[in-house]
C-alpha atoms as a PDB file:
ATOM      1  CA  MET A   1     -46.826 -34.813  21.715  1.00  0.00           C
ATOM      2  CA  GLY A   2     -46.969 -34.629  17.962  1.00  0.00           C
ATOM      3  CA  ALA A   3     -47.963 -30.949  17.991  1.00  0.00           C
ATOM      4  CA  LYS A   4     -45.151 -30.086  20.410  1.00  0.00           C
ATOM      5  CA  THR A   5     -42.569 -31.808  18.195  1.00  0.00           C
ATOM      6  CA  LEU A   6     -43.939 -30.004  15.148  1.00  0.00           C
ATOM      7  CA  LYS A   7     -43.660 -26.632  16.913  1.00  0.00           C
ATOM      8  CA  LEU A   8     -40.051 -27.379  17.957  1.00  0.00           C
ATOM      9  CA  ALA A   9     -39.176 -28.390  14.395  1.00  0.00           C
ATOM     10  CA  ALA A  10     -40.725 -25.204  13.037  1.00  0.00           C
ATOM     11  CA  LEU A  11     -38.863 -23.098  15.624  1.00  0.00           C
ATOM     12  CA  ALA A  12     -35.559 -24.823  14.817  1.00  0.00           C
ATOM     13  CA  THR A  13     -36.095 -24.256  11.094  1.00  0.00           C
ATOM     14  CA  ALA A  14     -36.905 -20.578  11.635  1.00  0.00           C
ATOM     15  CA  LEU A  15     -33.920 -20.117  13.935  1.00  0.00           C
ATOM     16  CA  GLY A  16     -31.625 -21.824  11.418  1.00  0.00           C
ATOM     17  CA  ALA A  17     -32.914 -19.587   8.637  1.00  0.00           C
ATOM     18  CA  MET A  18     -32.303 -16.473  10.753  1.00  0.00           C
ATOM     19  CA  LEU A  19     -28.759 -17.521  11.574  1.00  0.00           C
ATOM     20  CA  ALA A  20     -28.026 -18.303   7.944  1.00  0.00           C
ATOM     21  CA  VAL A  21     -29.253 -14.885   6.736  1.00  0.00           C
ATOM     22  CA  THR A  22     -28.031 -12.605   9.544  1.00  0.00           C
ATOM     23  CA  PRO A  23     -24.237 -12.989   9.175  1.00  0.00           C
ATOM     24  CA  GLY A  24     -24.352 -12.398   5.440  1.00  0.00           C
ATOM     25  CA  ALA A  25     -26.556  -9.330   5.810  1.00  0.00           C
ATOM     26  CA  ALA A  26     -24.337  -7.884   8.535  1.00  0.00           C
ATOM     27  CA  LEU A  27     -21.203  -8.621   6.561  1.00  0.00           C
ATOM     28  CA  ALA A  28     -22.510  -7.062   3.359  1.00  0.00           C
ATOM     29  CA  GLY A  29     -23.476  -3.803   5.065  1.00  0.00           C
ATOM     30  CA  GLY A  30     -20.427  -3.425   7.307  1.00  0.00           C
ATOM     31  CA  THR A  31     -17.485  -3.815   4.935  1.00  0.00           C
ATOM     32  CA  LYS A  32     -15.934  -1.309   2.593  1.00  0.00           C
ATOM     33  CA  PRO A  33     -15.447  -2.300  -1.037  1.00  0.00           C
ATOM     34  CA  LYS A  34     -11.858  -3.162  -1.898  1.00  0.00           C
ATOM     35  CA  ALA A  35      -9.997  -0.836  -4.233  1.00  0.00           C
ATOM     36  CA  ALA A  36      -8.994  -2.310  -7.571  1.00  0.00           C
ATOM     37  CA  LYS A  37      -5.305  -3.123  -7.985  1.00  0.00           C
ATOM     38  CA  ASP A  38      -4.984  -0.702 -10.899  1.00  0.00           C
ATOM     39  CA  ASP A  39      -6.659   2.172  -9.005  1.00  0.00           C
ATOM     40  CA  PRO A  40      -3.999   4.914  -8.494  1.00  0.00           C
ATOM     41  CA  SER A  41      -5.828   6.329  -5.458  1.00  0.00           C
ATOM     42  CA  ARG A  42      -5.744   3.087  -3.445  1.00  0.00           C
ATOM     43  CA  ARG A  43      -3.714   3.241  -0.242  1.00  0.00           C
ATOM     44  CA  VAL A  44      -0.505   1.204  -0.087  1.00  0.00           C
ATOM     45  CA  CYS A  45       1.532   0.773   3.111  1.00  0.00           C
ATOM     46  CA  ARG A  46       5.222  -0.095   3.112  1.00  0.00           C
ATOM     47  CA  SER A  47       7.864  -0.573   5.794  1.00  0.00           C
ATOM     48  CA  VAL A  48      10.742   1.826   5.129  1.00  0.00           C
ATOM     49  CA  ILE A  49      14.053   1.903   6.988  1.00  0.00           C
ATOM     50  CA  PRO A  50      15.306   5.515   7.050  1.00  0.00           C
ATOM     51  CA  MET A  51      19.014   6.209   6.637  1.00  0.00           C
ATOM     52  CA  GLY A  52      20.879   6.111   9.940  1.00  0.00           C
ATOM     53  CA  THR A  53      18.529   3.807  11.812  1.00  0.00           C
ATOM     54  CA  ARG A  54      17.728   0.125  11.975  1.00  0.00           C
ATOM     55  CA  LEU A  55      14.085   0.623  12.899  1.00  0.00           C
ATOM     56  CA  ALA A  56      11.504   0.367  10.153  1.00  0.00           C
ATOM     57  CA  THR A  57       8.773   2.974   9.832  1.00  0.00           C
ATOM     58  CA  ARG A  58       5.421   2.142   8.256  1.00  0.00           C
ATOM     59  CA  ILE A  59       4.407   4.710   5.628  1.00  0.00           C
ATOM     60  CA  CYS A  60       1.001   4.674   3.912  1.00  0.00           C
ATOM     61  CA  ARG A  61       0.463   6.669   0.718  1.00  0.00           C
ATOM     62  CA  PRO A  62      -1.671   6.489  -2.404  1.00  0.00           C
ATOM     63  CA  TYR A  63      -0.284   4.110  -5.028  1.00  0.00           C
ATOM     64  CA  ALA A  64       0.236   7.032  -7.442  1.00  0.00           C
ATOM     65  CA  GLU A  65       2.696   8.711  -5.032  1.00  0.00           C
ATOM     66  CA  TRP A  66       4.719   5.494  -4.620  1.00  0.00           C
ATOM     67  CA  ALA A  67       4.849   5.069  -8.412  1.00  0.00           C
ATOM     68  CA  GLU A  68       5.960   8.692  -8.889  1.00  0.00           C
ATOM     69  CA  GLU A  69       8.730   8.306  -6.286  1.00  0.00           C
ATOM     70  CA  GLU A  70       9.989   5.077  -7.885  1.00  0.00           C
ATOM     71  CA  LYS A  71      10.003   6.681 -11.342  1.00  0.00           C
ATOM     72  CA  ALA A  72      12.031   9.664 -10.053  1.00  0.00           C
ATOM     73  CA  ALA A  73      14.550   7.314  -8.422  1.00  0.00           C
ATOM     74  CA  GLN A  74      14.921   5.290 -11.629  1.00  0.00           C
ATOM     75  CA  GLU A  75      15.425   8.459 -13.674  1.00  0.00           C
ATOM     76  CA  GLY A  76      18.100   9.646 -11.222  1.00  0.00           C
ATOM     77  CA  VAL A  77      20.000   6.387 -11.522  1.00  0.00           C
ATOM     78  CA  LEU A  78      19.687   6.451 -15.311  1.00  0.00           C
ATOM     79  CA  ASN A  79      21.003  10.032 -15.449  1.00  0.00           C
ATOM     80  CA  ARG A  80      24.009   9.093 -13.314  1.00  0.00           C
ATOM     81  CA  GLN A  81      24.758   6.124 -15.534  1.00  0.00           C
ATOM     82  CA  THR A  82      24.427   7.954 -18.849  1.00  0.00           C
ATOM     83  CA  GLU A  83      25.858  11.373 -17.970  1.00  0.00           C
ATOM     84  CA  GLY A  84      28.388  10.237 -15.401  1.00  0.00           C
ATOM     85  CA  PHE A  85      29.193  11.827 -12.086  1.00  0.00           C
ATOM     86  CA  VAL A  86      31.296  14.981 -12.200  1.00  0.00           C
ATOM     87  CA  ARG A  87      32.906  16.349  -9.043  1.00  0.00           C
ATOM     88  CA  MET A  88      34.461  19.790  -8.813  1.00  0.00           C
ATOM     89  CA  THR A  89      37.534  20.209  -6.642  1.00  0.00           C
ATOM     90  CA  PRO A  90      37.194  23.093  -4.168  1.00  0.00           C
ATOM     91  CA  ALA A  91      40.028  25.128  -5.711  1.00  0.00           C
ATOM     92  CA  ALA A  92      38.870  24.534  -9.278  1.00  0.00           C
ATOM     93  CA  SER A  93      35.259  25.407  -8.565  1.00  0.00           C
ATOM     94  CA  GLU A  94      36.245  28.741  -6.976  1.00  0.00           C
ATOM     95  CA  MET A  95      38.307  29.672 -10.002  1.00  0.00           C
ATOM     96  CA  GLY A  96      35.889  28.354 -12.603  1.00  0.00           C
ATOM     97  CA  GLY A  97      38.324  25.590 -13.429  1.00  0.00           C
ATOM     98  CA  ALA A  98      37.966  22.090 -14.779  1.00  0.00           C
ATOM     99  CA  ALA A  99      36.015  19.326 -13.226  1.00  0.00           C
ATOM    100  CA  LEU A 100      37.578  16.053 -12.248  1.00  0.00           C
ATOM    101  CA  PRO A 101      35.841  12.817 -13.169  1.00  0.00           C
ATOM    102  CA  HIS A 102      35.021  10.679 -10.175  1.00  0.00           C
END
């Protein structure tokens, strides 16, 4: 009986070692490396609600495109604030007339 117990203990130890190594090896080979937060090519997904609807749409783009879009929007707002908004009346614009401040 001593030899049988020794064989079972050896089998249990070997099985435990296999189970301990296998998940880590499978996990290391099957996952993609994560992109760094400062990497401009990493993919970022956002939920956007288009004008005229209440349903959100999920849009995924590279981080660089999102940053470029935000910068353009900020520049547009800044231009409106510093230069003001000028609206031409229909009659004045046809005759090359003055603009009315809005």
